[in-house]
Amino acid sequence: MKTTILTDTDANAEAFLEKLTAEYSAYKGSNIIVDLSAQEGLELNGVLGFLSLSNKHRKGKKSFVLVVTDFDIDDAPEELIIVPTLQEAHDVIEMEEIERDLGF
């Protein structure tokens, strides 16, 4: 299971999303963890921008997980996976890999 962790070090979700989208072909073959934990007070609009990229990636039978600290996941759409830590992101990917192996 190959997983790529992409970390936003500039704390600018919008610019990071543009860069990620432009370079998507380099990562599309692996599971993706997008680490936005450096951003304080990230709002729903900040994570919603990742929804279309997430949906596109998940259609390819790969995981796409956002790491966002201090975020109420109940605010986000169900199809967007958001966790508070990198460890939880790895756990989610491991579970999804098992589900895919079992044909779910």
PDB file of N, CA and C in Angstrom:
ATOM      1  N   MET A   1       0.850  -1.173   0.000  1.00  0.00           N
ATOM      2  CA  MET A   1       0.000   0.000   0.000  1.00  0.00           C
ATOM      3  C   MET A   1       0.896   1.237   0.000  1.00  0.00           C
ATOM      4  N   LYS A   2       0.859   1.988  -1.071  1.00  0.00           N
ATOM      5  CA  LYS A   2       1.671   3.195  -1.174  1.00  0.00           C
ATOM      6  C   LYS A   2       0.833   4.395  -0.754  1.00  0.00           C
ATOM      7  N   THR A   3       1.377   5.179   0.158  1.00  0.00           N
ATOM      8  CA  THR A   3       0.691   6.364   0.642  1.00  0.00           C
ATOM      9  C   THR A   3       1.624   7.564   0.507  1.00  0.00           C
ATOM     10  N   THR A   4       1.100   8.638  -0.029  1.00  0.00           N
ATOM     11  CA  THR A   4       1.860   9.878  -0.171  1.00  0.00           C
ATOM     12  C   THR A   4       1.270  10.904   0.786  1.00  0.00           C
ATOM     13  N   ILE A   5       2.138  11.508   1.596  1.00  0.00           N
ATOM     14  CA  ILE A   5       1.701  12.565   2.508  1.00  0.00           C
ATOM     15  C   ILE A   5       2.111  13.896   1.906  1.00  0.00           C
ATOM     16  N   LEU A   6       1.131  14.744   1.681  1.00  0.00           N
ATOM     17  CA  LEU A   6       1.376  16.071   1.120  1.00  0.00           C
ATOM     18  C   LEU A   6       1.072  17.098   2.202  1.00  0.00           C
ATOM     19  N   THR A   7       2.088  17.860   2.596  1.00  0.00           N
ATOM     20  CA  THR A   7       1.953  18.777   3.717  1.00  0.00           C
ATOM     21  C   THR A   7       1.970  20.220   3.241  1.00  0.00           C
ATOM     22  N   ASP A   8       0.974  20.968   3.700  1.00  0.00           N
ATOM     23  CA  ASP A   8       0.912  22.395   3.389  1.00  0.00           C
ATOM     24  C   ASP A   8       1.735  23.147   4.420  1.00  0.00           C
ATOM     25  N   THR A   9       2.911  23.590   4.027  1.00  0.00           N
ATOM     26  CA  THR A   9       3.800  24.285   4.957  1.00  0.00           C
ATOM     27  C   THR A   9       3.586  25.796   4.943  1.00  0.00           C
ATOM     28  N   ASP A  10       2.826  26.304   3.975  1.00  0.00           N
ATOM     29  CA  ASP A  10       2.598  27.750   3.879  1.00  0.00           C
ATOM     30  C   ASP A  10       1.325  28.196   4.589  1.00  0.00           C
ATOM     31  N   ALA A  11       0.554  27.243   5.100  1.00  0.00           N
ATOM     32  CA  ALA A  11      -0.711  27.535   5.776  1.00  0.00           C
ATOM     33  C   ALA A  11      -1.652  28.341   4.883  1.00  0.00           C
ATOM     34  N   ASN A  12      -1.716  27.936   3.611  1.00  0.00           N
ATOM     35  CA  ASN A  12      -2.622  28.580   2.662  1.00  0.00           C
ATOM     36  C   ASN A  12      -3.322  27.477   1.867  1.00  0.00           C
ATOM     37  N   ALA A  13      -4.477  27.061   2.350  1.00  0.00           N
ATOM     38  CA  ALA A  13      -5.183  25.920   1.761  1.00  0.00           C
ATOM     39  C   ALA A  13      -5.522  26.145   0.295  1.00  0.00           C
ATOM     40  N   GLU A  14      -5.912  27.343  -0.059  1.00  0.00           N
ATOM     41  CA  GLU A  14      -6.314  27.630  -1.435  1.00  0.00           C
ATOM     42  C   GLU A  14      -5.138  27.473  -2.410  1.00  0.00           C
ATOM     43  N   ALA A  15      -3.998  28.059  -2.071  1.00  0.00           N
ATOM     44  CA  ALA A  15      -2.810  27.946  -2.929  1.00  0.00           C
ATOM     45  C   ALA A  15      -2.305  26.501  -2.966  1.00  0.00           C
ATOM     46  N   PHE A  16      -2.406  25.811  -1.832  1.00  0.00           N
ATOM     47  CA  PHE A  16      -1.965  24.422  -1.757  1.00  0.00           C
ATOM     48  C   PHE A  16      -2.842  23.538  -2.638  1.00  0.00           C
ATOM     49  N   LEU A  17      -4.146  23.794  -2.624  1.00  0.00           N
ATOM     50  CA  LEU A  17      -5.070  23.034  -3.464  1.00  0.00           C
ATOM     51  C   LEU A  17      -4.756  23.242  -4.944  1.00  0.00           C
ATOM     52  N   GLU A  18      -4.464  24.466  -5.335  1.00  0.00           N
ATOM     53  CA  GLU A  18      -4.105  24.746  -6.732  1.00  0.00           C
ATOM     54  C   GLU A  18      -2.848  23.964  -7.135  1.00  0.00           C
ATOM     55  N   LYS A  19      -1.855  23.962  -6.268  1.00  0.00           N
ATOM     56  CA  LYS A  19      -0.607  23.246  -6.550  1.00  0.00           C
ATOM     57  C   LYS A  19      -0.862  21.741  -6.622  1.00  0.00           C
ATOM     58  N   LEU A  20      -1.648  21.230  -5.698  1.00  0.00           N
ATOM     59  CA  LEU A  20      -1.977  19.803  -5.657  1.00  0.00           C
ATOM     60  C   LEU A  20      -2.722  19.379  -6.916  1.00  0.00           C
ATOM     61  N   THR A  21      -3.670  20.196  -7.336  1.00  0.00           N
ATOM     62  CA  THR A  21      -4.447  19.897  -8.533  1.00  0.00           C
ATOM     63  C   THR A  21      -3.552  19.900  -9.770  1.00  0.00           C
ATOM     64  N   ALA A  22      -2.649  20.862  -9.850  1.00  0.00           N
ATOM     65  CA  ALA A  22      -1.745  20.958 -10.991  1.00  0.00           C
ATOM     66  C   ALA A  22      -0.789  19.768 -11.060  1.00  0.00           C
ATOM     67  N   GLU A  23      -0.393  19.251  -9.910  1.00  0.00           N
ATOM     68  CA  GLU A  23       0.579  18.154  -9.862  1.00  0.00           C
ATOM     69  C   GLU A  23      -0.074  16.805  -9.587  1.00  0.00           C
ATOM     70  N   TYR A  24      -1.391  16.729  -9.713  1.00  0.00           N
ATOM     71  CA  TYR A  24      -2.138  15.530  -9.338  1.00  0.00           C
ATOM     72  C   TYR A  24      -1.649  14.254 -10.021  1.00  0.00           C
ATOM     73  N   SER A  25      -1.270  14.337 -11.271  1.00  0.00           N
ATOM     74  CA  SER A  25      -0.875  13.128 -12.000  1.00  0.00           C
ATOM     75  C   SER A  25       0.311  12.418 -11.334  1.00  0.00           C
ATOM     76  N   ALA A  26       1.136  13.151 -10.602  1.00  0.00           N
ATOM     77  CA  ALA A  26       2.286  12.547  -9.929  1.00  0.00           C
ATOM     78  C   ALA A  26       1.870  11.702  -8.715  1.00  0.00           C
ATOM     79  N   TYR A  27       0.668  11.965  -8.180  1.00  0.00           N
ATOM     80  CA  TYR A  27       0.233  11.289  -6.959  1.00  0.00           C
ATOM     81  C   TYR A  27      -0.943  10.345  -7.155  1.00  0.00           C
ATOM     82  N   LYS A  28      -1.538  10.355  -8.336  1.00  0.00           N
ATOM     83  CA  LYS A  28      -2.807   9.652  -8.510  1.00  0.00           C
ATOM     84  C   LYS A  28      -2.733   8.141  -8.305  1.00  0.00           C
ATOM     85  N   GLY A  29      -1.544   7.560  -8.361  1.00  0.00           N
ATOM     86  CA  GLY A  29      -1.414   6.116  -8.186  1.00  0.00           C
ATOM     87  C   GLY A  29      -1.304   5.656  -6.747  1.00  0.00           C
ATOM     88  N   SER A  30      -1.285   6.586  -5.813  1.00  0.00           N
ATOM     89  CA  SER A  30      -1.134   6.195  -4.413  1.00  0.00           C
ATOM     90  C   SER A  30      -2.258   6.776  -3.564  1.00  0.00           C
ATOM     91  N   ASN A  31      -2.380   6.252  -2.357  1.00  0.00           N
ATOM     92  CA  ASN A  31      -3.300   6.859  -1.403  1.00  0.00           C
ATOM     93  C   ASN A  31      -2.710   8.204  -1.005  1.00  0.00           C
ATOM     94  N   ILE A  32      -3.573   9.168  -0.734  1.00  0.00           N
ATOM     95  CA  ILE A  32      -3.101  10.519  -0.441  1.00  0.00           C
ATOM     96  C   ILE A  32      -3.583  10.973   0.933  1.00  0.00           C
ATOM     97  N   ILE A  33      -2.630  11.480   1.709  1.00  0.00           N
ATOM     98  CA  ILE A  33      -2.959  12.172   2.949  1.00  0.00           C
ATOM     99  C   ILE A  33      -2.562  13.626   2.733  1.00  0.00           C
ATOM    100  N   VAL A  34      -3.524  14.526   2.870  1.00  0.00           N
ATOM    101  CA  VAL A  34      -3.258  15.953   2.741  1.00  0.00           C
ATOM    102  C   VAL A  34      -3.210  16.523   4.156  1.00  0.00           C
ATOM    103  N   ASP A  35      -2.021  16.912   4.584  1.00  0.00           N
ATOM    104  CA  ASP A  35      -1.823  17.402   5.946  1.00  0.00           C
ATOM    105  C   ASP A  35      -1.982  18.919   5.985  1.00  0.00           C
ATOM    106  N   LEU A  36      -3.118  19.342   6.527  1.00  0.00           N
ATOM    107  CA  LEU A  36      -3.407  20.769   6.672  1.00  0.00           C
ATOM    108  C   LEU A  36      -3.329  21.194   8.138  1.00  0.00           C
ATOM    109  N   SER A  37      -2.663  20.385   8.948  1.00  0.00           N
ATOM    110  CA  SER A  37      -2.637  20.644  10.387  1.00  0.00           C
ATOM    111  C   SER A  37      -1.895  21.927  10.767  1.00  0.00           C
ATOM    112  N   ALA A  38      -1.096  22.460   9.864  1.00  0.00           N
ATOM    113  CA  ALA A  38      -0.386  23.715  10.149  1.00  0.00           C
ATOM    114  C   ALA A  38      -1.327  24.918  10.110  1.00  0.00           C
ATOM    115  N   GLN A  39      -2.501  24.720   9.532  1.00  0.00           N
ATOM    116  CA  GLN A  39      -3.456  25.828   9.406  1.00  0.00           C
ATOM    117  C   GLN A  39      -4.341  25.902  10.633  1.00  0.00           C
ATOM    118  N   GLU A  40      -4.326  27.043  11.266  1.00  0.00           N
ATOM    119  CA  GLU A  40      -5.168  27.235  12.440  1.00  0.00           C
ATOM    120  C   GLU A  40      -6.497  27.833  12.002  1.00  0.00           C
ATOM    121  N   GLY A  41      -7.568  27.347  12.600  1.00  0.00           N
ATOM    122  CA  GLY A  41      -8.889  27.906  12.336  1.00  0.00           C
ATOM    123  C   GLY A  41      -9.388  27.700  10.922  1.00  0.00           C
ATOM    124  N   LEU A  42      -9.024  26.578  10.306  1.00  0.00           N
ATOM    125  CA  LEU A  42      -9.484  26.299   8.944  1.00  0.00           C
ATOM    126  C   LEU A  42     -10.997  26.108   8.961  1.00  0.00           C
ATOM    127  N   GLU A  43     -11.686  26.838   8.118  1.00  0.00           N
ATOM    128  CA  GLU A  43     -13.151  26.806   8.074  1.00  0.00           C
ATOM    129  C   GLU A  43     -13.634  25.794   7.048  1.00  0.00           C
ATOM    130  N   LEU A  44     -14.929  25.566   7.052  1.00  0.00           N
ATOM    131  CA  LEU A  44     -15.543  24.612   6.136  1.00  0.00           C
ATOM    132  C   LEU A  44     -15.212  24.931   4.680  1.00  0.00           C
ATOM    133  N   ASN A  45     -15.274  26.204   4.300  1.00  0.00           N
ATOM    134  CA  ASN A  45     -14.965  26.579   2.916  1.00  0.00           C
ATOM    135  C   ASN A  45     -13.549  26.181   2.521  1.00  0.00           C
ATOM    136  N   GLY A  46     -12.628  26.214   3.470  1.00  0.00           N
ATOM    137  CA  GLY A  46     -11.250  25.840   3.201  1.00  0.00           C
ATOM    138  C   GLY A  46     -11.090  24.374   2.852  1.00  0.00           C
ATOM    139  N   VAL A  47     -11.897  23.516   3.470  1.00  0.00           N
ATOM    140  CA  VAL A  47     -11.797  22.082   3.168  1.00  0.00           C
ATOM    141  C   VAL A  47     -12.692  21.677   2.009  1.00  0.00           C
ATOM    142  N   LEU A  48     -13.773  22.404   1.789  1.00  0.00           N
ATOM    143  CA  LEU A  48     -14.676  22.060   0.685  1.00  0.00           C
ATOM    144  C   LEU A  48     -13.997  22.132  -0.667  1.00  0.00           C
ATOM    145  N   GLY A  49     -12.979  22.961  -0.776  1.00  0.00           N
ATOM    146  CA  GLY A  49     -12.237  23.054  -2.028  1.00  0.00           C
ATOM    147  C   GLY A  49     -11.598  21.733  -2.436  1.00  0.00           C
ATOM    148  N   PHE A  50     -11.321  20.874  -1.458  1.00  0.00           N
ATOM    149  CA  PHE A  50     -10.679  19.592  -1.728  1.00  0.00           C
ATOM    150  C   PHE A  50     -11.676  18.509  -2.136  1.00  0.00           C
ATOM    151  N   LEU A  51     -12.971  18.805  -2.073  1.00  0.00           N
ATOM    152  CA  LEU A  51     -13.996  17.789  -2.325  1.00  0.00           C
ATOM    153  C   LEU A  51     -13.929  17.201  -3.728  1.00  0.00           C
ATOM    154  N   SER A  52     -13.813  18.024  -4.748  1.00  0.00           N
ATOM    155  CA  SER A  52     -13.801  17.478  -6.115  1.00  0.00           C
ATOM    156  C   SER A  52     -12.552  16.645  -6.376  1.00  0.00           C
ATOM    157  N   LEU A  53     -11.410  17.069  -5.847  1.00  0.00           N
ATOM    158  CA  LEU A  53     -10.177  16.292  -6.006  1.00  0.00           C
ATOM    159  C   LEU A  53     -10.298  14.969  -5.243  1.00  0.00           C
ATOM    160  N   SER A  54     -10.898  15.019  -4.065  1.00  0.00           N
ATOM    161  CA  SER A  54     -11.115  13.813  -3.268  1.00  0.00           C
ATOM    162  C   SER A  54     -12.016  12.831  -4.010  1.00  0.00           C
ATOM    163  N   ASN A  55     -13.124  13.334  -4.541  1.00  0.00           N
ATOM    164  CA  ASN A  55     -14.060  12.463  -5.276  1.00  0.00           C
ATOM    165  C   ASN A  55     -13.384  11.833  -6.491  1.00  0.00           C
ATOM    166  N   LYS A  56     -12.616  12.627  -7.213  1.00  0.00           N
ATOM    167  CA  LYS A  56     -11.898  12.131  -8.391  1.00  0.00           C
ATOM    168  C   LYS A  56     -10.932  11.020  -7.989  1.00  0.00           C
ATOM    169  N   HIS A  57     -10.195  11.236  -6.909  1.00  0.00           N
ATOM    170  CA  HIS A  57      -9.194  10.270  -6.455  1.00  0.00           C
ATOM    171  C   HIS A  57      -9.857   8.983  -5.961  1.00  0.00           C
ATOM    172  N   ARG A  58     -10.941   9.117  -5.233  1.00  0.00           N
ATOM    173  CA  ARG A  58     -11.620   7.948  -4.678  1.00  0.00           C
ATOM    174  C   ARG A  58     -12.280   7.096  -5.770  1.00  0.00           C
ATOM    175  N   LYS A  59     -12.649   7.726  -6.874  1.00  0.00           N
ATOM    176  CA  LYS A  59     -13.193   6.955  -8.008  1.00  0.00           C
ATOM    177  C   LYS A  59     -12.150   5.999  -8.564  1.00  0.00           C
ATOM    178  N   GLY A  60     -10.878   6.352  -8.401  1.00  0.00           N
ATOM    179  CA  GLY A  60      -9.775   5.503  -8.842  1.00  0.00           C
ATOM    180  C   GLY A  60      -9.405   4.441  -7.819  1.00  0.00           C
ATOM    181  N   LYS A  61     -10.301   4.202  -6.855  1.00  0.00           N
ATOM    182  CA  LYS A  61     -10.103   3.174  -5.814  1.00  0.00           C
ATOM    183  C   LYS A  61      -8.869   3.442  -4.954  1.00  0.00           C
ATOM    184  N   LYS A  62      -8.650   4.704  -4.657  1.00  0.00           N
ATOM    185  CA  LYS A  62      -7.560   5.109  -3.760  1.00  0.00           C
ATOM    186  C   LYS A  62      -8.131   5.998  -2.667  1.00  0.00           C
ATOM    187  N   SER A  63      -7.460   6.012  -1.528  1.00  0.00           N
ATOM    188  CA  SER A  63      -7.914   6.814  -0.391  1.00  0.00           C
ATOM    189  C   SER A  63      -7.421   8.256  -0.501  1.00  0.00           C
ATOM    190  N   PHE A  64      -8.235   9.165   0.038  1.00  0.00           N
ATOM    191  CA  PHE A  64      -7.896  10.586   0.078  1.00  0.00           C
ATOM    192  C   PHE A  64      -8.364  11.092   1.440  1.00  0.00           C
ATOM    193  N   VAL A  65      -7.419  11.437   2.309  1.00  0.00           N
ATOM    194  CA  VAL A  65      -7.742  11.818   3.679  1.00  0.00           C
ATOM    195  C   VAL A  65      -7.134  13.178   3.991  1.00  0.00           C
ATOM    196  N   LEU A  66      -7.937  14.047   4.582  1.00  0.00           N
ATOM    197  CA  LEU A  66      -7.451  15.353   5.026  1.00  0.00           C
ATOM    198  C   LEU A  66      -7.150  15.296   6.517  1.00  0.00           C
ATOM    199  N   VAL A  67      -6.019  15.855   6.921  1.00  0.00           N
ATOM    200  CA  VAL A  67      -5.692  15.980   8.335  1.00  0.00           C
ATOM    201  C   VAL A  67      -5.881  17.447   8.706  1.00  0.00           C
ATOM    202  N   VAL A  68      -6.891  17.690   9.537  1.00  0.00           N
ATOM    203  CA  VAL A  68      -7.204  19.054   9.958  1.00  0.00           C
ATOM    204  C   VAL A  68      -7.460  19.019  11.463  1.00  0.00           C
ATOM    205  N   THR A  69      -6.659  19.747  12.212  1.00  0.00           N
ATOM    206  CA  THR A  69      -6.875  19.801  13.658  1.00  0.00           C
ATOM    207  C   THR A  69      -7.944  20.843  13.973  1.00  0.00           C
ATOM    208  N   ASP A  70      -8.586  20.688  15.095  1.00  0.00           N
ATOM    209  CA  ASP A  70      -9.617  21.634  15.554  1.00  0.00           C
ATOM    210  C   ASP A  70     -10.676  21.907  14.494  1.00  0.00           C
ATOM    211  N   PHE A  71     -11.259  20.844  13.957  1.00  0.00           N
ATOM    212  CA  PHE A  71     -12.300  20.992  12.933  1.00  0.00           C
ATOM    213  C   PHE A  71     -13.465  20.089  13.303  1.00  0.00           C
ATOM    214  N   ASP A  72     -14.677  20.599  13.196  1.00  0.00           N
ATOM    215  CA  ASP A  72     -15.869  19.808  13.486  1.00  0.00           C
ATOM    216  C   ASP A  72     -16.253  19.032  12.232  1.00  0.00           C
ATOM    217  N   ILE A  73     -15.940  17.740  12.228  1.00  0.00           N
ATOM    218  CA  ILE A  73     -16.175  16.939  11.023  1.00  0.00           C
ATOM    219  C   ILE A  73     -17.656  16.803  10.687  1.00  0.00           C
ATOM    220  N   ASP A  74     -18.528  17.106  11.643  1.00  0.00           N
ATOM    221  CA  ASP A  74     -19.962  17.057  11.362  1.00  0.00           C
ATOM    222  C   ASP A  74     -20.374  18.143  10.373  1.00  0.00           C
ATOM    223  N   ASP A  75     -19.542  19.181  10.237  1.00  0.00           N
ATOM    224  CA  ASP A  75     -19.827  20.265   9.294  1.00  0.00           C
ATOM    225  C   ASP A  75     -19.517  19.872   7.850  1.00  0.00           C
ATOM    226  N   ALA A  76     -18.654  18.895   7.662  1.00  0.00           N
ATOM    227  CA  ALA A  76     -18.167  18.530   6.326  1.00  0.00           C
ATOM    228  C   ALA A  76     -19.081  17.500   5.664  1.00  0.00           C
ATOM    229  N   PRO A  77     -19.097  17.465   4.339  1.00  0.00           N
ATOM    230  CA  PRO A  77     -19.872  16.443   3.631  1.00  0.00           C
ATOM    231  C   PRO A  77     -19.350  15.044   3.958  1.00  0.00           C
ATOM    232  N   GLU A  78     -20.241  14.092   3.935  1.00  0.00           N
ATOM    233  CA  GLU A  78     -19.919  12.715   4.304  1.00  0.00           C
ATOM    234  C   GLU A  78     -18.796  12.118   3.460  1.00  0.00           C
ATOM    235  N   GLU A  79     -18.736  12.473   2.180  1.00  0.00           N
ATOM    236  CA  GLU A  79     -17.745  11.852   1.290  1.00  0.00           C
ATOM    237  C   GLU A  79     -16.337  12.407   1.461  1.00  0.00           C
ATOM    238  N   LEU A  80     -16.184  13.444   2.270  1.00  0.00           N
ATOM    239  CA  LEU A  80     -14.864  14.024   2.535  1.00  0.00           C
ATOM    240  C   LEU A  80     -14.364  13.476   3.863  1.00  0.00           C
ATOM    241  N   ILE A  81     -13.236  12.768   3.834  1.00  0.00           N
ATOM    242  CA  ILE A  81     -12.715  12.155   5.056  1.00  0.00           C
ATOM    243  C   ILE A  81     -11.729  13.110   5.705  1.00  0.00           C
ATOM    244  N   ILE A  82     -12.072  13.527   6.935  1.00  0.00           N
ATOM    245  CA  ILE A  82     -11.251  14.468   7.684  1.00  0.00           C
ATOM    246  C   ILE A  82     -10.961  13.863   9.054  1.00  0.00           C
ATOM    247  N   VAL A  83      -9.684  13.829   9.414  1.00  0.00           N
ATOM    248  CA  VAL A  83      -9.267  13.319  10.709  1.00  0.00           C
ATOM    249  C   VAL A  83      -8.326  14.334  11.362  1.00  0.00           C
ATOM    250  N   PRO A  84      -8.181  14.270  12.702  1.00  0.00           N
ATOM    251  CA  PRO A  84      -7.345  15.268  13.381  1.00  0.00           C
ATOM    252  C   PRO A  84      -5.848  14.970  13.432  1.00  0.00           C
ATOM    253  N   THR A  85      -5.429  13.706  13.147  1.00  0.00           N
ATOM    254  CA  THR A  85      -4.001  13.380  13.258  1.00  0.00           C
ATOM    255  C   THR A  85      -3.540  12.528  12.076  1.00  0.00           C
ATOM    256  N   LEU A  86      -2.232  12.534  11.843  1.00  0.00           N
ATOM    257  CA  LEU A  86      -1.644  11.696  10.792  1.00  0.00           C
ATOM    258  C   LEU A  86      -1.852  10.213  11.088  1.00  0.00           C
ATOM    259  N   GLN A  87      -1.748   9.828  12.362  1.00  0.00           N
ATOM    260  CA  GLN A  87      -1.936   8.422  12.719  1.00  0.00           C
ATOM    261  C   GLN A  87      -3.344   7.957  12.337  1.00  0.00           C
ATOM    262  N   GLU A  88      -4.343   8.793  12.611  1.00  0.00           N
ATOM    263  CA  GLU A  88      -5.713   8.428  12.245  1.00  0.00           C
ATOM    264  C   GLU A  88      -5.877   8.356  10.729  1.00  0.00           C
ATOM    265  N   ALA A  89      -5.170   9.202  10.006  1.00  0.00           N
ATOM    266  CA  ALA A  89      -5.225   9.153   8.542  1.00  0.00           C
ATOM    267  C   ALA A  89      -4.684   7.816   8.046  1.00  0.00           C
ATOM    268  N   HIS A  90      -3.572   7.377   8.615  1.00  0.00           N
ATOM    269  CA  HIS A  90      -3.009   6.072   8.234  1.00  0.00           C
ATOM    270  C   HIS A  90      -3.976   4.945   8.586  1.00  0.00           C
ATOM    271  N   ASP A  91      -4.626   5.051   9.738  1.00  0.00           N
ATOM    272  CA  ASP A  91      -5.599   4.033  10.156  1.00  0.00           C
ATOM    273  C   ASP A  91      -6.764   3.952   9.173  1.00  0.00           C
ATOM    274  N   VAL A  92      -7.272   5.104   8.744  1.00  0.00           N
ATOM    275  CA  VAL A  92      -8.382   5.135   7.788  1.00  0.00           C
ATOM    276  C   VAL A  92      -7.970   4.468   6.480  1.00  0.00           C
ATOM    277  N   ILE A  93      -6.785   4.787   6.005  1.00  0.00           N
ATOM    278  CA  ILE A  93      -6.310   4.207   4.750  1.00  0.00           C
ATOM    279  C   ILE A  93      -6.171   2.694   4.883  1.00  0.00           C
ATOM    280  N   GLU A  94      -5.653   2.249   6.015  1.00  0.00           N
ATOM    281  CA  GLU A  94      -5.511   0.810   6.239  1.00  0.00           C
ATOM    282  C   GLU A  94      -6.883   0.120   6.204  1.00  0.00           C
ATOM    283  N   MET A  95      -7.866   0.723   6.837  1.00  0.00           N
ATOM    284  CA  MET A  95      -9.226   0.154   6.839  1.00  0.00           C
ATOM    285  C   MET A  95      -9.807   0.147   5.417  1.00  0.00           C
ATOM    286  N   GLU A  96      -9.625   1.229   4.689  1.00  0.00           N
ATOM    287  CA  GLU A  96     -10.157   1.289   3.325  1.00  0.00           C
ATOM    288  C   GLU A  96      -9.463   0.280   2.413  1.00  0.00           C
ATOM    289  N   GLU A  97      -8.169   0.066   2.609  1.00  0.00           N
ATOM    290  CA  GLU A  97      -7.448  -0.949   1.829  1.00  0.00           C
ATOM    291  C   GLU A  97      -8.036  -2.331   2.099  1.00  0.00           C
ATOM    292  N   ILE A  98      -8.318  -2.629   3.350  1.00  0.00           N
ATOM    293  CA  ILE A  98      -8.913  -3.922   3.709  1.00  0.00           C
ATOM    294  C   ILE A  98     -10.290  -4.057   3.054  1.00  0.00           C
ATOM    295  N   GLU A  99     -11.095  -2.990   3.115  1.00  0.00           N
ATOM    296  CA  GLU A  99     -12.426  -3.015   2.497  1.00  0.00           C
ATOM    297  C   GLU A  99     -12.324  -3.254   0.984  1.00  0.00           C
ATOM    298  N   ARG A 100     -11.364  -2.595   0.333  1.00  0.00           N
ATOM    299  CA  ARG A 100     -11.198  -2.789  -1.106  1.00  0.00           C
ATOM    300  C   ARG A 100     -10.759  -4.212  -1.422  1.00  0.00           C
ATOM    301  N   ASP A 101      -9.849  -4.759  -0.594  1.00  0.00           N
ATOM    302  CA  ASP A 101      -9.396  -6.131  -0.781  1.00  0.00           C
ATOM    303  C   ASP A 101     -10.551  -7.119  -0.641  1.00  0.00           C
ATOM    304  N   LEU A 102     -11.504  -6.784   0.208  1.00  0.00           N
ATOM    305  CA  LEU A 102     -12.660  -7.656   0.439  1.00  0.00           C
ATOM    306  C   LEU A 102     -13.776  -7.410  -0.586  1.00  0.00           C
ATOM    307  N   GLY A 103     -13.596  -6.400  -1.423  1.00  0.00           N
ATOM    308  CA  GLY A 103     -14.568  -6.141  -2.487  1.00  0.00           C
ATOM    309  C   GLY A 103     -15.711  -5.219  -2.111  1.00  0.00           C
ATOM    310  N   PHE A 104     -15.555  -4.426  -1.060  1.00  0.00           N
ATOM    311  CA  PHE A 104     -16.595  -3.478  -0.673  1.00  0.00           C
ATOM    312  C   PHE A 104     -16.484  -2.203  -1.455  1.00  0.00           C
TER     313      PHE A 104
END
